[in-house]
PDB file of N, CA and C in Angstrom:
ATOM      1  N   UNK A   1       1.000  -1.711  -0.343  1.00  0.00           N
ATOM      2  CA  UNK A   1      -0.082  -0.176   0.010  1.00  0.00           C
ATOM      3  C   UNK A   1       0.696   1.256  -0.133  1.00  0.00           C
ATOM      4  N   UNK A   2       2.032   0.876   1.092  1.00  0.00           N
ATOM      5  CA  UNK A   2       2.888   2.310   0.451  1.00  0.00           C
ATOM      6  C   UNK A   2       3.198   2.766  -0.417  1.00  0.00           C
ATOM      7  N   UNK A   3       3.863   1.209  -0.948  1.00  0.00           N
ATOM      8  CA  UNK A   3       4.283   1.643  -2.431  1.00  0.00           C
ATOM      9  C   UNK A   3       3.690   2.334  -3.246  1.00  0.00           C
ATOM     10  N   UNK A   4       2.163   1.858  -3.372  1.00  0.00           N
ATOM     11  CA  UNK A   4       1.160   2.735  -4.025  1.00  0.00           C
ATOM     12  C   UNK A   4       0.931   4.150  -3.791  1.00  0.00           C
ATOM     13  N   UNK A   5       1.137   4.621  -2.792  1.00  0.00           N
ATOM     14  CA  UNK A   5       0.974   6.157  -2.168  1.00  0.00           C
ATOM     15  C   UNK A   5       2.398   6.656  -3.038  1.00  0.00           C
ATOM     16  N   UNK A   6       3.422   5.871  -2.648  1.00  0.00           N
ATOM     17  CA  UNK A   6       4.424   7.000  -2.834  1.00  0.00           C
ATOM     18  C   UNK A   6       4.995   6.693  -4.910  1.00  0.00           C
ATOM     19  N   UNK A   7       4.708   5.468  -4.936  1.00  0.00           N
ATOM     20  CA  UNK A   7       4.823   5.753  -6.242  1.00  0.00           C
ATOM     21  C   UNK A   7       3.149   6.993  -7.266  1.00  0.00           C
ATOM     22  N   UNK A   8       2.443   7.046  -6.505  1.00  0.00           N
ATOM     23  CA  UNK A   8       1.655   8.010  -6.971  1.00  0.00           C
ATOM     24  C   UNK A   8       1.831   9.235  -6.586  1.00  0.00           C
ATOM     25  N   UNK A   9       2.527   9.633  -5.550  1.00  0.00           N
ATOM     26  CA  UNK A   9       3.021  10.933  -5.428  1.00  0.00           C
ATOM     27  C   UNK A   9       4.167  10.978  -6.578  1.00  0.00           C
ATOM     28  N   UNK A  10       4.875  10.107  -6.451  1.00  0.00           N
ATOM     29  CA  UNK A  10       5.763  10.302  -7.025  1.00  0.00           C
ATOM     30  C   UNK A  10       6.030  10.869  -8.538  1.00  0.00           C
ATOM     31  N   UNK A  11       4.640   9.983  -9.491  1.00  0.00           N
ATOM     32  CA  UNK A  11       3.873  10.556 -10.300  1.00  0.00           C
ATOM     33  C   UNK A  11       3.192  11.776 -10.907  1.00  0.00           C
ATOM     34  N   UNK A  12       2.772  12.360  -9.159  1.00  0.00           N
ATOM     35  CA  UNK A  12       2.173  13.471  -9.354  1.00  0.00           C
ATOM     36  C   UNK A  12       3.319  14.794  -9.080  1.00  0.00           C
ATOM     37  N   UNK A  13       4.337  14.225  -8.537  1.00  0.00           N
ATOM     38  CA  UNK A  13       5.216  15.724  -8.368  1.00  0.00           C
ATOM     39  C   UNK A  13       6.215  15.512 -10.362  1.00  0.00           C
ATOM     40  N   UNK A  14       5.948  14.615 -10.570  1.00  0.00           N
ATOM     41  CA  UNK A  14       6.817  14.168 -11.869  1.00  0.00           C
ATOM     42  C   UNK A  14       6.135  15.196 -13.188  1.00  0.00           C
ATOM     43  N   UNK A  15       4.498  14.854 -12.839  1.00  0.00           N
ATOM     44  CA  UNK A  15       3.559  15.356 -13.339  1.00  0.00           C
ATOM     45  C   UNK A  15       3.228  16.858 -13.393  1.00  0.00           C
ATOM     46  N   UNK A  16       3.672  17.579 -12.215  1.00  0.00           N
ATOM     47  CA  UNK A  16       3.532  18.574 -11.882  1.00  0.00           C
ATOM     48  C   UNK A  16       5.089  19.492 -12.166  1.00  0.00           C
ATOM     49  N   UNK A  17       5.949  18.955 -12.006  1.00  0.00           N
ATOM     50  CA  UNK A  17       7.298  19.563 -13.241  1.00  0.00           C
ATOM     51  C   UNK A  17       7.083  19.844 -14.474  1.00  0.00           C
ATOM     52  N   UNK A  18       6.640  18.423 -15.129  1.00  0.00           N
ATOM     53  CA  UNK A  18       6.607  18.688 -16.545  1.00  0.00           C
ATOM     54  C   UNK A  18       5.059  20.154 -16.886  1.00  0.00           C
ATOM     55  N   UNK A  19       3.980  20.212 -15.853  1.00  0.00           N
ATOM     56  CA  UNK A  19       3.541  20.710 -16.197  1.00  0.00           C
ATOM     57  C   UNK A  19       4.008  22.253 -16.094  1.00  0.00           C
ATOM     58  N   UNK A  20       4.558  22.591 -15.020  1.00  0.00           N
ATOM     59  CA  UNK A  20       5.444  23.617 -14.818  1.00  0.00           C
ATOM     60  C   UNK A  20       6.504  23.997 -15.889  1.00  0.00           C
ATOM     61  N   UNK A  21       7.194  23.318 -16.527  1.00  0.00           N
ATOM     62  CA  UNK A  21       8.013  23.250 -17.740  1.00  0.00           C
ATOM     63  C   UNK A  21       7.273  23.838 -19.114  1.00  0.00           C
ATOM     64  N   UNK A  22       6.232  23.307 -18.815  1.00  0.00           N
ATOM     65  CA  UNK A  22       5.415  23.647 -20.050  1.00  0.00           C
ATOM     66  C   UNK A  22       4.662  25.266 -19.495  1.00  0.00           C
ATOM     67  N   UNK A  23       4.175  25.100 -18.828  1.00  0.00           N
ATOM     68  CA  UNK A  23       4.226  26.577 -18.608  1.00  0.00           C
ATOM     69  C   UNK A  23       5.419  27.551 -18.901  1.00  0.00           C
ATOM     70  N   UNK A  24       6.082  27.253 -17.913  1.00  0.00           N
ATOM     71  CA  UNK A  24       7.615  28.402 -17.817  1.00  0.00           C
ATOM     72  C   UNK A  24       7.685  28.303 -19.531  1.00  0.00           C
ATOM     73  N   UNK A  25       7.697  27.604 -20.635  1.00  0.00           N
ATOM     74  CA  UNK A  25       8.146  27.364 -22.101  1.00  0.00           C
ATOM     75  C   UNK A  25       7.193  27.961 -22.678  1.00  0.00           C
ATOM     76  N   UNK A  26       5.778  28.327 -22.512  1.00  0.00           N
ATOM     77  CA  UNK A  26       4.691  29.131 -23.011  1.00  0.00           C
ATOM     78  C   UNK A  26       4.988  30.674 -22.475  1.00  0.00           C
ATOM     79  N   UNK A  27       5.173  31.089 -21.352  1.00  0.00           N
ATOM     80  CA  UNK A  27       5.782  32.095 -20.673  1.00  0.00           C
ATOM     81  C   UNK A  27       6.829  32.306 -21.725  1.00  0.00           C
ATOM     82  N   UNK A  28       7.858  31.864 -21.605  1.00  0.00           N
ATOM     83  CA  UNK A  28       8.972  32.440 -22.321  1.00  0.00           C
ATOM     84  C   UNK A  28       8.575  32.691 -23.892  1.00  0.00           C
ATOM     85  N   UNK A  29       8.101  31.938 -24.209  1.00  0.00           N
ATOM     86  CA  UNK A  29       7.280  32.101 -25.982  1.00  0.00           C
ATOM     87  C   UNK A  29       7.077  33.651 -26.129  1.00  0.00           C
ATOM     88  N   UNK A  30       5.761  33.696 -25.299  1.00  0.00           N
ATOM     89  CA  UNK A  30       5.112  34.524 -24.903  1.00  0.00           C
ATOM     90  C   UNK A  30       5.568  36.059 -24.875  1.00  0.00           C
ATOM     91  N   UNK A  31       6.721  36.113 -24.738  1.00  0.00           N
ATOM     92  CA  UNK A  31       7.609  37.029 -23.804  1.00  0.00           C
ATOM     93  C   UNK A  31       8.309  37.156 -25.135  1.00  0.00           C
ATOM     94  N   UNK A  32       8.978  36.312 -26.079  1.00  0.00           N
ATOM     95  CA  UNK A  32      10.098  36.566 -26.876  1.00  0.00           C
ATOM     96  C   UNK A  32       8.722  36.775 -28.153  1.00  0.00           C
ATOM     97  N   UNK A  33       7.677  36.480 -28.337  1.00  0.00           N
ATOM     98  CA  UNK A  33       7.058  36.927 -29.709  1.00  0.00           C
ATOM     99  C   UNK A  33       6.158  38.307 -28.634  1.00  0.00           C
ATOM    100  N   UNK A  34       6.365  38.751 -27.828  1.00  0.00           N
ATOM    101  CA  UNK A  34       5.773  40.373 -27.853  1.00  0.00           C
ATOM    102  C   UNK A  34       6.733  40.996 -27.818  1.00  0.00           C
ATOM    103  N   UNK A  35       8.014  40.554 -27.615  1.00  0.00           N
ATOM    104  CA  UNK A  35       9.195  41.741 -27.546  1.00  0.00           C
ATOM    105  C   UNK A  35       9.816  41.640 -29.467  1.00  0.00           C
ATOM    106  N   UNK A  36       9.844  40.431 -30.080  1.00  0.00           N
ATOM    107  CA  UNK A  36       9.783  40.471 -31.682  1.00  0.00           C
ATOM    108  C   UNK A  36       8.689  41.434 -32.644  1.00  0.00           C
ATOM    109  N   UNK A  37       7.219  41.220 -31.682  1.00  0.00           N
ATOM    110  CA  UNK A  37       6.698  41.920 -32.119  1.00  0.00           C
ATOM    111  C   UNK A  37       6.795  43.674 -32.217  1.00  0.00           C
ATOM    112  N   UNK A  38       7.128  43.813 -31.206  1.00  0.00           N
ATOM    113  CA  UNK A  38       7.367  45.540 -30.505  1.00  0.00           C
ATOM    114  C   UNK A  38       8.502  45.820 -31.921  1.00  0.00           C
ATOM    115  N   UNK A  39       9.870  44.772 -31.611  1.00  0.00           N
ATOM    116  CA  UNK A  39      10.577  45.630 -32.315  1.00  0.00           C
ATOM    117  C   UNK A  39      10.632  45.525 -33.822  1.00  0.00           C
ATOM    118  N   UNK A  40       9.358  44.840 -34.769  1.00  0.00           N
ATOM    119  CA  UNK A  40       8.683  44.769 -35.903  1.00  0.00           C
ATOM    120  C   UNK A  40       7.854  46.184 -35.877  1.00  0.00           C
ATOM    121  N   UNK A  41       7.442  46.833 -34.887  1.00  0.00           N
ATOM    122  CA  UNK A  41       6.369  47.918 -34.557  1.00  0.00           C
ATOM    123  C   UNK A  41       7.385  49.068 -34.934  1.00  0.00           C
ATOM    124  N   UNK A  42       8.313  48.991 -34.160  1.00  0.00           N
ATOM    125  CA  UNK A  42       9.149  49.941 -33.740  1.00  0.00           C
ATOM    126  C   UNK A  42      10.045  50.538 -34.924  1.00  0.00           C
ATOM    127  N   UNK A  43      10.602  49.543 -36.107  1.00  0.00           N
ATOM    128  CA  UNK A  43      11.062  49.410 -37.342  1.00  0.00           C
ATOM    129  C   UNK A  43      10.177  50.070 -38.302  1.00  0.00           C
ATOM    130  N   UNK A  44       9.088  49.398 -38.251  1.00  0.00           N
ATOM    131  CA  UNK A  44       7.688  49.978 -39.680  1.00  0.00           C
ATOM    132  C   UNK A  44       7.390  51.438 -38.699  1.00  0.00           C
ATOM    133  N   UNK A  45       7.587  52.080 -37.548  1.00  0.00           N
ATOM    134  CA  UNK A  45       7.627  53.266 -37.325  1.00  0.00           C
ATOM    135  C   UNK A  45       8.586  54.524 -37.419  1.00  0.00           C
ATOM    136  N   UNK A  46       9.849  53.476 -37.371  1.00  0.00           N
ATOM    137  CA  UNK A  46      10.775  54.512 -38.003  1.00  0.00           C
ATOM    138  C   UNK A  46      10.817  54.265 -39.723  1.00  0.00           C
ATOM    139  N   UNK A  47      10.537  53.591 -40.276  1.00  0.00           N
ATOM    140  CA  UNK A  47      10.641  53.676 -41.324  1.00  0.00           C
ATOM    141  C   UNK A  47       9.892  54.597 -42.173  1.00  0.00           C
ATOM    142  N   UNK A  48       8.206  54.615 -41.376  1.00  0.00           N
ATOM    143  CA  UNK A  48       7.168  55.821 -41.746  1.00  0.00           C
ATOM    144  C   UNK A  48       7.495  57.333 -41.401  1.00  0.00           C
ATOM    145  N   UNK A  49       8.773  57.903 -40.006  1.00  0.00           N
ATOM    146  CA  UNK A  49       9.012  58.888 -39.712  1.00  0.00           C
ATOM    147  C   UNK A  49      10.283  58.834 -41.366  1.00  0.00           C
ATOM    148  N   UNK A  50      10.693  58.206 -41.553  1.00  0.00           N
ATOM    149  CA  UNK A  50      11.770  58.427 -42.095  1.00  0.00           C
ATOM    150  C   UNK A  50      11.135  58.647 -43.679  1.00  0.00           C
ATOM    151  N   UNK A  51       9.845  58.160 -44.191  1.00  0.00           N
ATOM    152  CA  UNK A  51       9.640  58.824 -45.590  1.00  0.00           C
ATOM    153  C   UNK A  51       8.999  60.339 -44.879  1.00  0.00           C
ATOM    154  N   UNK A  52       8.082  60.496 -43.813  1.00  0.00           N
ATOM    155  CA  UNK A  52       7.648  61.849 -44.097  1.00  0.00           C
ATOM    156  C   UNK A  52       8.445  62.361 -44.024  1.00  0.00           C
ATOM    157  N   UNK A  53      10.230  62.444 -43.280  1.00  0.00           N
ATOM    158  CA  UNK A  53      10.780  63.785 -43.452  1.00  0.00           C
ATOM    159  C   UNK A  53      11.592  63.317 -44.733  1.00  0.00           C
ATOM    160  N   UNK A  54      11.489  62.495 -45.540  1.00  0.00           N
ATOM    161  CA  UNK A  54      12.057  62.757 -47.047  1.00  0.00           C
ATOM    162  C   UNK A  54      10.443  63.508 -47.552  1.00  0.00           C
ATOM    163  N   UNK A  55       9.420  63.035 -47.570  1.00  0.00           N
ATOM    164  CA  UNK A  55       8.682  63.733 -48.296  1.00  0.00           C
ATOM    165  C   UNK A  55       8.481  65.268 -47.992  1.00  0.00           C
ATOM    166  N   UNK A  56       8.444  65.609 -46.571  1.00  0.00           N
ATOM    167  CA  UNK A  56       8.630  67.336 -45.945  1.00  0.00           C
ATOM    168  C   UNK A  56       9.759  67.630 -46.516  1.00  0.00           C
ATOM    169  N   UNK A  57      11.334  66.972 -47.256  1.00  0.00           N
ATOM    170  CA  UNK A  57      12.070  67.834 -47.346  1.00  0.00           C
ATOM    171  C   UNK A  57      12.169  67.888 -49.162  1.00  0.00           C
ATOM    172  N   UNK A  58      11.153  67.095 -49.649  1.00  0.00           N
ATOM    173  CA  UNK A  58      11.130  67.370 -51.036  1.00  0.00           C
ATOM    174  C   UNK A  58      10.254  68.143 -51.344  1.00  0.00           C
ATOM    175  N   UNK A  59       9.320  68.456 -50.346  1.00  0.00           N
ATOM    176  CA  UNK A  59       7.509  69.753 -50.256  1.00  0.00           C
ATOM    177  C   UNK A  59       8.879  71.066 -50.421  1.00  0.00           C
ATOM    178  N   UNK A  60       9.182  71.154 -49.314  1.00  0.00           N
ATOM    179  CA  UNK A  60      10.031  72.401 -48.898  1.00  0.00           C
ATOM    180  C   UNK A  60      11.068  72.670 -50.199  1.00  0.00           C
ATOM    181  N   UNK A  61      11.838  71.656 -50.800  1.00  0.00           N
ATOM    182  CA  UNK A  61      12.549  72.163 -52.052  1.00  0.00           C
ATOM    183  C   UNK A  61      11.439  72.207 -53.054  1.00  0.00           C
ATOM    184  N   UNK A  62      10.387  71.471 -53.393  1.00  0.00           N
ATOM    185  CA  UNK A  62       9.530  72.166 -54.487  1.00  0.00           C
ATOM    186  C   UNK A  62       8.984  73.564 -54.199  1.00  0.00           C
ATOM    187  N   UNK A  63       8.485  73.942 -52.994  1.00  0.00           N
ATOM    188  CA  UNK A  63       8.555  75.357 -52.563  1.00  0.00           C
ATOM    189  C   UNK A  63       9.254  76.182 -53.229  1.00  0.00           C
ATOM    190  N   UNK A  64      10.783  75.692 -52.837  1.00  0.00           N
ATOM    191  CA  UNK A  64      11.638  76.809 -52.944  1.00  0.00           C
ATOM    192  C   UNK A  64      11.764  77.273 -54.286  1.00  0.00           C
ATOM    193  N   UNK A  65      11.843  75.758 -54.956  1.00  0.00           N
ATOM    194  CA  UNK A  65      11.679  76.113 -56.340  1.00  0.00           C
ATOM    195  C   UNK A  65      11.008  76.902 -57.512  1.00  0.00           C
ATOM    196  N   UNK A  66       9.579  76.641 -56.570  1.00  0.00           N
ATOM    197  CA  UNK A  66       8.690  77.592 -57.296  1.00  0.00           C
ATOM    198  C   UNK A  66       8.668  78.672 -57.063  1.00  0.00           C
ATOM    199  N   UNK A  67       8.757  78.941 -55.500  1.00  0.00           N
ATOM    200  CA  UNK A  67       9.275  80.565 -55.366  1.00  0.00           C
ATOM    201  C   UNK A  67      10.088  81.246 -56.420  1.00  0.00           C
ATOM    202  N   UNK A  68      11.465  80.483 -56.296  1.00  0.00           N
ATOM    203  CA  UNK A  68      12.724  80.658 -57.421  1.00  0.00           C
ATOM    204  C   UNK A  68      11.995  81.253 -58.812  1.00  0.00           C
ATOM    205  N   UNK A  69      11.057  80.354 -59.229  1.00  0.00           N
ATOM    206  CA  UNK A  69      10.825  80.062 -60.813  1.00  0.00           C
ATOM    207  C   UNK A  69       9.446  81.760 -60.898  1.00  0.00           C
ATOM    208  N   UNK A  70       9.121  81.115 -59.805  1.00  0.00           N
ATOM    209  CA  UNK A  70       7.895  82.883 -59.574  1.00  0.00           C
ATOM    210  C   UNK A  70       8.460  84.176 -59.805  1.00  0.00           C
ATOM    211  N   UNK A  71       9.672  83.984 -59.178  1.00  0.00           N
ATOM    212  CA  UNK A  71      10.370  85.258 -58.902  1.00  0.00           C
ATOM    213  C   UNK A  71      11.000  85.500 -60.282  1.00  0.00           C
ATOM    214  N   UNK A  72      11.616  84.726 -60.845  1.00  0.00           N
ATOM    215  CA  UNK A  72      12.239  84.968 -61.980  1.00  0.00           C
ATOM    216  C   UNK A  72      11.077  84.951 -63.128  1.00  0.00           C
ATOM    217  N   UNK A  73       9.638  84.633 -63.162  1.00  0.00           N
ATOM    218  CA  UNK A  73       9.132  84.940 -63.471  1.00  0.00           C
ATOM    219  C   UNK A  73       8.699  86.338 -63.950  1.00  0.00           C
ATOM    220  N   UNK A  74       8.616  87.158 -62.528  1.00  0.00           N
ATOM    221  CA  UNK A  74       8.214  88.355 -62.289  1.00  0.00           C
ATOM    222  C   UNK A  74       8.883  88.646 -63.053  1.00  0.00           C
ATOM    223  N   UNK A  75      10.872  88.704 -62.597  1.00  0.00           N
ATOM    224  CA  UNK A  75      11.752  89.658 -63.034  1.00  0.00           C
ATOM    225  C   UNK A  75      11.460  89.728 -64.541  1.00  0.00           C
ATOM    226  N   UNK A  76      11.224  88.752 -65.018  1.00  0.00           N
ATOM    227  CA  UNK A  76      11.146  88.812 -66.224  1.00  0.00           C
ATOM    228  C   UNK A  76       9.983  89.764 -66.934  1.00  0.00           C
ATOM    229  N   UNK A  77       8.791  89.693 -66.501  1.00  0.00           N
ATOM    230  CA  UNK A  77       7.588  89.996 -67.082  1.00  0.00           C
ATOM    231  C   UNK A  77       7.905  91.910 -66.823  1.00  0.00           C
ATOM    232  N   UNK A  78       8.475  92.004 -65.671  1.00  0.00           N
ATOM    233  CA  UNK A  78       9.079  93.352 -65.327  1.00  0.00           C
ATOM    234  C   UNK A  78       9.836  94.159 -66.326  1.00  0.00           C
ATOM    235  N   UNK A  79      10.822  92.582 -66.467  1.00  0.00           N
ATOM    236  CA  UNK A  79      12.046  93.832 -67.438  1.00  0.00           C
ATOM    237  C   UNK A  79      11.143  93.762 -69.158  1.00  0.00           C
ATOM    238  N   UNK A  80      10.135  93.152 -69.282  1.00  0.00           N
ATOM    239  CA  UNK A  80       9.603  93.129 -70.573  1.00  0.00           C
ATOM    240  C   UNK A  80       8.649  94.401 -70.624  1.00  0.00           C
ATOM    241  N   UNK A  81       8.094  94.469 -68.966  1.00  0.00           N
ATOM    242  CA  UNK A  81       6.837  96.008 -69.098  1.00  0.00           C
ATOM    243  C   UNK A  81       7.734  97.292 -69.026  1.00  0.00           C
ATOM    244  N   UNK A  82       9.261  97.621 -68.849  1.00  0.00           N
ATOM    245  CA  UNK A  82      10.372  98.152 -68.555  1.00  0.00           C
ATOM    246  C   UNK A  82      10.189  98.610 -70.062  1.00  0.00           C
ATOM    247  N   UNK A  83      11.035  97.903 -70.440  1.00  0.00           N
ATOM    248  CA  UNK A  83      11.450  98.093 -71.797  1.00  0.00           C
ATOM    249  C   UNK A  83      10.553  98.693 -73.003  1.00  0.00           C
TER     250      UNK A  83
END
């Protein structure tokens, strides 16, 4: 009888250990997945910010070019009217 109880307790302890290991593996896996997803989101955000900065820079250059073109056209028109 004692051996049955001892065997049952040993089996229970082994089973509990296995369950604990499985739970720990799941927790570790979830933490790794969360970190990986966060890293991917950060990279995506950085790429979007870089793209937005490039668009702003291009827009600023386009506006400056337009102003220069407008100014040169006005100068040309003034010179034509003065002549």
